């Protein structure tokens, strides 16, 4: 007879960029978004090519200064600084923005 075992989630590496005044245009370009004032607006992840919401305004993420834009398998998401730091720690590796 076997008993339950404990499991640990495998580490997942993500690419992320915190929005600052000096890099806001670069972040917008990286996530295929645009700058509006002190925020970056970029499309939400689509489900099989269809918008997530009926209205175009609801189909965008609005990331503010201090927020992180995170590349995930099928697009980009926004996390506040607090959310990001509670889930991720620096790996020590820098990547080239593409």
N, C-alpha and C. Protein backbone atom coordinates (compact mmCIF):
# COMPACT_ATOMS: atom_id res chain seq x y z
N UNK A 1 0.84 -1.18 0.00
CA UNK A 1 0.00 0.00 0.00
C UNK A 1 0.88 1.25 0.00
N UNK A 2 0.48 2.25 -0.78
CA UNK A 2 1.25 3.50 -0.83
C UNK A 2 0.53 4.59 -0.05
N UNK A 3 1.25 5.62 0.27
CA UNK A 3 0.66 6.75 0.99
C UNK A 3 0.89 8.03 0.17
N UNK A 4 0.18 9.11 0.49
CA UNK A 4 0.36 10.37 -0.24
C UNK A 4 1.80 10.86 -0.10
N UNK A 5 2.24 11.60 -1.10
CA UNK A 5 3.56 12.22 -1.08
C UNK A 5 3.42 13.72 -1.22
N UNK A 6 4.43 14.41 -0.78
CA UNK A 6 4.48 15.86 -0.95
C UNK A 6 5.21 16.17 -2.24
N UNK A 7 4.73 17.18 -2.97
CA UNK A 7 5.36 17.60 -4.21
C UNK A 7 5.63 19.10 -4.17
N UNK A 8 6.66 19.51 -4.87
CA UNK A 8 7.03 20.91 -4.97
C UNK A 8 6.89 21.33 -6.43
N UNK A 9 6.35 22.49 -6.66
CA UNK A 9 6.24 23.00 -8.02
C UNK A 9 7.62 23.21 -8.60
N UNK A 10 7.80 22.78 -9.85
CA UNK A 10 9.09 23.00 -10.52
C UNK A 10 9.26 24.48 -10.79
N UNK A 11 10.50 24.96 -10.73
CA UNK A 11 10.72 26.38 -11.03
C UNK A 11 10.33 26.70 -12.47
N UNK A 12 9.69 27.84 -12.63
CA UNK A 12 9.33 28.33 -13.95
C UNK A 12 10.03 29.67 -14.15
N UNK A 13 10.70 29.80 -15.26
CA UNK A 13 11.37 31.05 -15.56
C UNK A 13 10.48 31.87 -16.47
N UNK A 14 10.35 33.16 -16.20
CA UNK A 14 9.57 34.06 -17.03
C UNK A 14 10.43 35.26 -17.40
N UNK A 15 10.07 35.90 -18.49
CA UNK A 15 10.67 37.17 -18.86
C UNK A 15 9.74 38.26 -18.37
N UNK A 16 10.29 39.25 -17.69
CA UNK A 16 9.47 40.32 -17.15
C UNK A 16 10.25 41.63 -17.17
N UNK A 17 9.49 42.73 -17.22
CA UNK A 17 10.12 44.04 -17.25
C UNK A 17 9.28 44.97 -16.39
N UNK A 18 9.90 45.62 -15.42
CA UNK A 18 9.19 46.59 -14.60
C UNK A 18 9.17 47.92 -15.35
N UNK A 19 8.00 48.55 -15.38
CA UNK A 19 7.85 49.82 -16.10
C UNK A 19 8.39 50.96 -15.23
N UNK A 20 9.29 51.72 -15.84
CA UNK A 20 9.85 52.91 -15.20
C UNK A 20 9.78 54.06 -16.21
N UNK A 21 9.99 55.26 -15.75
CA UNK A 21 9.95 56.42 -16.63
C UNK A 21 10.98 56.28 -17.76
N UNK A 22 12.16 55.76 -17.44
CA UNK A 22 13.23 55.70 -18.44
C UNK A 22 13.12 54.53 -19.41
N UNK A 23 12.16 53.60 -19.21
CA UNK A 23 12.08 52.47 -20.14
C UNK A 23 10.66 52.23 -20.68
N UNK A 24 9.75 53.13 -20.39
CA UNK A 24 8.34 52.88 -20.72
C UNK A 24 8.13 52.63 -22.22
N UNK A 25 8.85 53.34 -23.08
CA UNK A 25 8.70 53.13 -24.53
C UNK A 25 9.25 51.77 -24.94
N UNK A 26 10.35 51.36 -24.34
CA UNK A 26 10.93 50.05 -24.65
C UNK A 26 10.01 48.91 -24.21
N UNK A 27 9.40 49.05 -23.02
CA UNK A 27 8.47 48.02 -22.54
C UNK A 27 7.27 47.92 -23.47
N UNK A 28 6.73 49.06 -23.89
CA UNK A 28 5.58 49.06 -24.79
C UNK A 28 5.92 48.36 -26.10
N UNK A 29 7.08 48.63 -26.64
CA UNK A 29 7.49 47.98 -27.89
C UNK A 29 7.64 46.47 -27.67
N UNK A 30 8.23 46.07 -26.55
CA UNK A 30 8.49 44.66 -26.24
C UNK A 30 7.20 43.85 -26.15
N UNK A 31 6.15 44.44 -25.55
CA UNK A 31 4.90 43.70 -25.37
C UNK A 31 3.84 44.04 -26.42
N UNK A 32 4.27 44.69 -27.49
CA UNK A 32 3.37 45.03 -28.60
C UNK A 32 2.24 45.96 -28.14
N UNK A 33 2.60 46.87 -27.25
CA UNK A 33 1.62 47.80 -26.72
C UNK A 33 1.91 49.22 -27.15
N UNK A 34 1.32 50.17 -26.43
CA UNK A 34 1.55 51.58 -26.71
C UNK A 34 1.55 52.35 -25.38
N UNK A 35 2.21 53.49 -25.40
CA UNK A 35 2.28 54.33 -24.20
C UNK A 35 1.12 55.31 -24.23
N UNK A 36 0.45 55.45 -23.09
CA UNK A 36 -0.57 56.48 -22.92
C UNK A 36 -0.31 57.11 -21.56
N UNK A 37 0.21 58.32 -21.58
CA UNK A 37 0.56 58.99 -20.33
C UNK A 37 1.66 58.23 -19.61
N UNK A 38 1.37 57.78 -18.39
CA UNK A 38 2.36 57.02 -17.62
C UNK A 38 1.97 55.55 -17.53
N UNK A 39 1.27 55.06 -18.56
CA UNK A 39 0.90 53.64 -18.57
C UNK A 39 1.19 53.02 -19.93
N UNK A 40 1.27 51.71 -19.93
CA UNK A 40 1.43 50.94 -21.16
C UNK A 40 0.15 50.15 -21.36
N UNK A 41 -0.41 50.25 -22.55
CA UNK A 41 -1.63 49.53 -22.88
C UNK A 41 -1.26 48.44 -23.88
N UNK A 42 -1.62 47.19 -23.55
CA UNK A 42 -1.29 46.09 -24.46
C UNK A 42 -2.43 45.09 -24.46
N UNK A 43 -2.56 44.30 -25.56
CA UNK A 43 -3.70 43.40 -25.69
C UNK A 43 -3.68 42.26 -24.69
N UNK A 44 -4.87 41.91 -24.20
CA UNK A 44 -5.01 40.72 -23.36
C UNK A 44 -4.83 39.49 -24.23
N UNK A 45 -4.54 38.38 -23.60
CA UNK A 45 -4.37 37.12 -24.30
C UNK A 45 -5.69 36.73 -24.96
N UNK A 46 -5.61 36.32 -26.18
CA UNK A 46 -6.80 35.92 -26.92
C UNK A 46 -7.01 34.42 -26.80
N UNK A 47 -8.25 34.00 -26.87
CA UNK A 47 -8.60 32.58 -26.84
C UNK A 47 -8.96 32.14 -28.25
N UNK A 48 -8.06 31.42 -28.88
CA UNK A 48 -8.28 30.94 -30.26
C UNK A 48 -8.61 32.09 -31.21
N UNK A 49 -7.92 33.21 -31.03
CA UNK A 49 -8.09 34.34 -31.93
C UNK A 49 -9.29 35.22 -31.65
N UNK A 50 -10.10 34.89 -30.66
CA UNK A 50 -11.28 35.69 -30.35
C UNK A 50 -11.01 36.58 -29.15
N UNK A 51 -11.54 37.81 -29.17
CA UNK A 51 -11.35 38.69 -28.01
C UNK A 51 -11.93 38.07 -26.74
N UNK A 52 -11.33 38.40 -25.62
CA UNK A 52 -11.81 37.89 -24.34
C UNK A 52 -13.12 38.54 -23.92
N UNK A 53 -13.29 39.80 -24.26
CA UNK A 53 -14.50 40.54 -23.88
C UNK A 53 -15.15 41.11 -25.14
N UNK A 54 -16.40 41.51 -25.02
CA UNK A 54 -17.13 42.04 -26.17
C UNK A 54 -16.67 43.43 -26.59
N UNK A 55 -16.26 44.26 -25.63
CA UNK A 55 -15.88 45.62 -25.98
C UNK A 55 -14.37 45.75 -26.10
N UNK A 56 -13.89 46.49 -27.10
CA UNK A 56 -12.44 46.62 -27.32
C UNK A 56 -11.69 47.13 -26.09
N UNK A 57 -12.29 48.06 -25.30
CA UNK A 57 -11.61 48.60 -24.13
C UNK A 57 -11.28 47.49 -23.13
N UNK A 58 -12.17 46.51 -22.98
CA UNK A 58 -11.96 45.43 -22.03
C UNK A 58 -10.94 44.40 -22.51
N UNK A 59 -10.48 44.53 -23.74
CA UNK A 59 -9.51 43.59 -24.29
C UNK A 59 -8.07 44.06 -24.12
N UNK A 60 -7.85 45.05 -23.27
CA UNK A 60 -6.51 45.57 -23.05
C UNK A 60 -6.11 45.48 -21.58
N UNK A 61 -4.80 45.31 -21.36
CA UNK A 61 -4.22 45.45 -20.03
C UNK A 61 -3.73 46.89 -19.92
N UNK A 62 -3.84 47.46 -18.74
CA UNK A 62 -3.34 48.80 -18.48
C UNK A 62 -2.31 48.68 -17.38
N UNK A 63 -1.02 48.76 -17.74
CA UNK A 63 0.06 48.62 -16.78
C UNK A 63 0.62 50.00 -16.45
N UNK A 64 0.75 50.29 -15.17
CA UNK A 64 1.21 51.59 -14.71
C UNK A 64 2.67 51.57 -14.32
N UNK A 65 3.25 52.74 -14.11
CA UNK A 65 4.63 52.81 -13.63
C UNK A 65 4.75 51.96 -12.37
N UNK A 66 5.78 51.14 -12.30
CA UNK A 66 6.00 50.26 -11.15
C UNK A 66 5.46 48.86 -11.35
N UNK A 67 4.47 48.71 -12.26
CA UNK A 67 3.94 47.38 -12.56
C UNK A 67 4.96 46.59 -13.37
N UNK A 68 4.78 45.27 -13.40
CA UNK A 68 5.60 44.40 -14.22
C UNK A 68 4.77 43.87 -15.38
N UNK A 69 5.38 43.81 -16.56
CA UNK A 69 4.78 43.15 -17.71
C UNK A 69 5.53 41.83 -17.84
N UNK A 70 4.79 40.72 -17.84
CA UNK A 70 5.38 39.38 -17.83
C UNK A 70 4.98 38.64 -19.10
N UNK A 71 5.99 38.08 -19.78
CA UNK A 71 5.71 37.28 -20.97
C UNK A 71 5.33 35.88 -20.50
N UNK A 72 4.17 35.41 -20.95
CA UNK A 72 3.72 34.05 -20.67
C UNK A 72 3.65 33.30 -21.99
N UNK A 73 3.29 32.04 -21.95
CA UNK A 73 3.36 31.20 -23.14
C UNK A 73 2.61 31.75 -24.34
N UNK A 74 1.51 32.45 -24.13
CA UNK A 74 0.73 32.92 -25.27
C UNK A 74 0.45 34.42 -25.25
N UNK A 75 1.33 35.20 -24.65
CA UNK A 75 1.16 36.65 -24.65
C UNK A 75 1.83 37.30 -23.47
N UNK A 76 1.23 38.37 -22.97
CA UNK A 76 1.78 39.13 -21.86
C UNK A 76 0.69 39.39 -20.84
N UNK A 77 1.07 39.49 -19.57
CA UNK A 77 0.14 39.83 -18.50
C UNK A 77 0.76 40.92 -17.63
N UNK A 78 -0.08 41.61 -16.86
CA UNK A 78 0.37 42.67 -15.97
C UNK A 78 0.26 42.19 -14.53
N UNK A 79 1.29 42.45 -13.76
CA UNK A 79 1.26 42.19 -12.32
C UNK A 79 1.73 43.44 -11.60
N UNK A 80 1.11 43.75 -10.47
CA UNK A 80 1.59 44.86 -9.66
C UNK A 80 2.96 44.46 -9.10
N UNK A 81 3.70 45.42 -8.61
CA UNK A 81 5.02 45.12 -8.03
C UNK A 81 4.88 44.13 -6.88
N UNK A 82 3.86 44.33 -6.04
CA UNK A 82 3.63 43.44 -4.90
C UNK A 82 3.31 42.01 -5.35
N UNK A 83 2.41 41.87 -6.34
CA UNK A 83 2.07 40.54 -6.86
C UNK A 83 3.30 39.86 -7.45
N UNK A 84 4.05 40.62 -8.24
CA UNK A 84 5.22 40.05 -8.90
C UNK A 84 6.24 39.55 -7.87
N UNK A 85 6.56 40.38 -6.90
CA UNK A 85 7.59 40.02 -5.92
C UNK A 85 7.16 38.88 -5.00
N UNK A 86 5.84 38.67 -4.86
CA UNK A 86 5.39 37.55 -4.04
C UNK A 86 5.48 36.22 -4.78
N UNK A 87 5.60 36.26 -6.11
CA UNK A 87 5.66 35.03 -6.91
C UNK A 87 7.01 34.77 -7.56
N UNK A 88 7.81 35.82 -7.77
CA UNK A 88 9.06 35.67 -8.53
C UNK A 88 10.24 36.28 -7.80
N UNK A 89 11.40 35.72 -8.05
CA UNK A 89 12.66 36.26 -7.55
C UNK A 89 13.62 36.31 -8.73
N UNK A 90 14.56 37.25 -8.75
CA UNK A 90 15.50 37.34 -9.86
C UNK A 90 16.31 36.05 -10.01
N UNK A 91 16.54 35.65 -11.25
CA UNK A 91 17.33 34.43 -11.50
C UNK A 91 18.80 34.77 -11.66
N UNK A 92 19.10 36.05 -11.85
CA UNK A 92 20.48 36.45 -12.08
C UNK A 92 20.83 36.53 -13.55
N UNK A 93 19.95 36.01 -14.41
CA UNK A 93 20.20 36.02 -15.85
C UNK A 93 19.49 37.19 -16.50
N UNK A 94 20.20 37.93 -17.33
CA UNK A 94 19.59 39.00 -18.12
C UNK A 94 19.33 38.45 -19.51
N UNK A 95 18.27 38.94 -20.13
CA UNK A 95 17.95 38.50 -21.48
C UNK A 95 17.94 39.70 -22.40
N UNK A 96 18.05 39.45 -23.67
CA UNK A 96 17.99 40.52 -24.65
C UNK A 96 16.53 40.74 -25.03
N UNK A 97 16.06 41.98 -24.91
CA UNK A 97 14.67 42.28 -25.28
C UNK A 97 14.53 42.16 -26.79
N UNK A 98 13.49 41.46 -27.22
CA UNK A 98 13.28 41.30 -28.66
C UNK A 98 11.98 41.91 -29.08
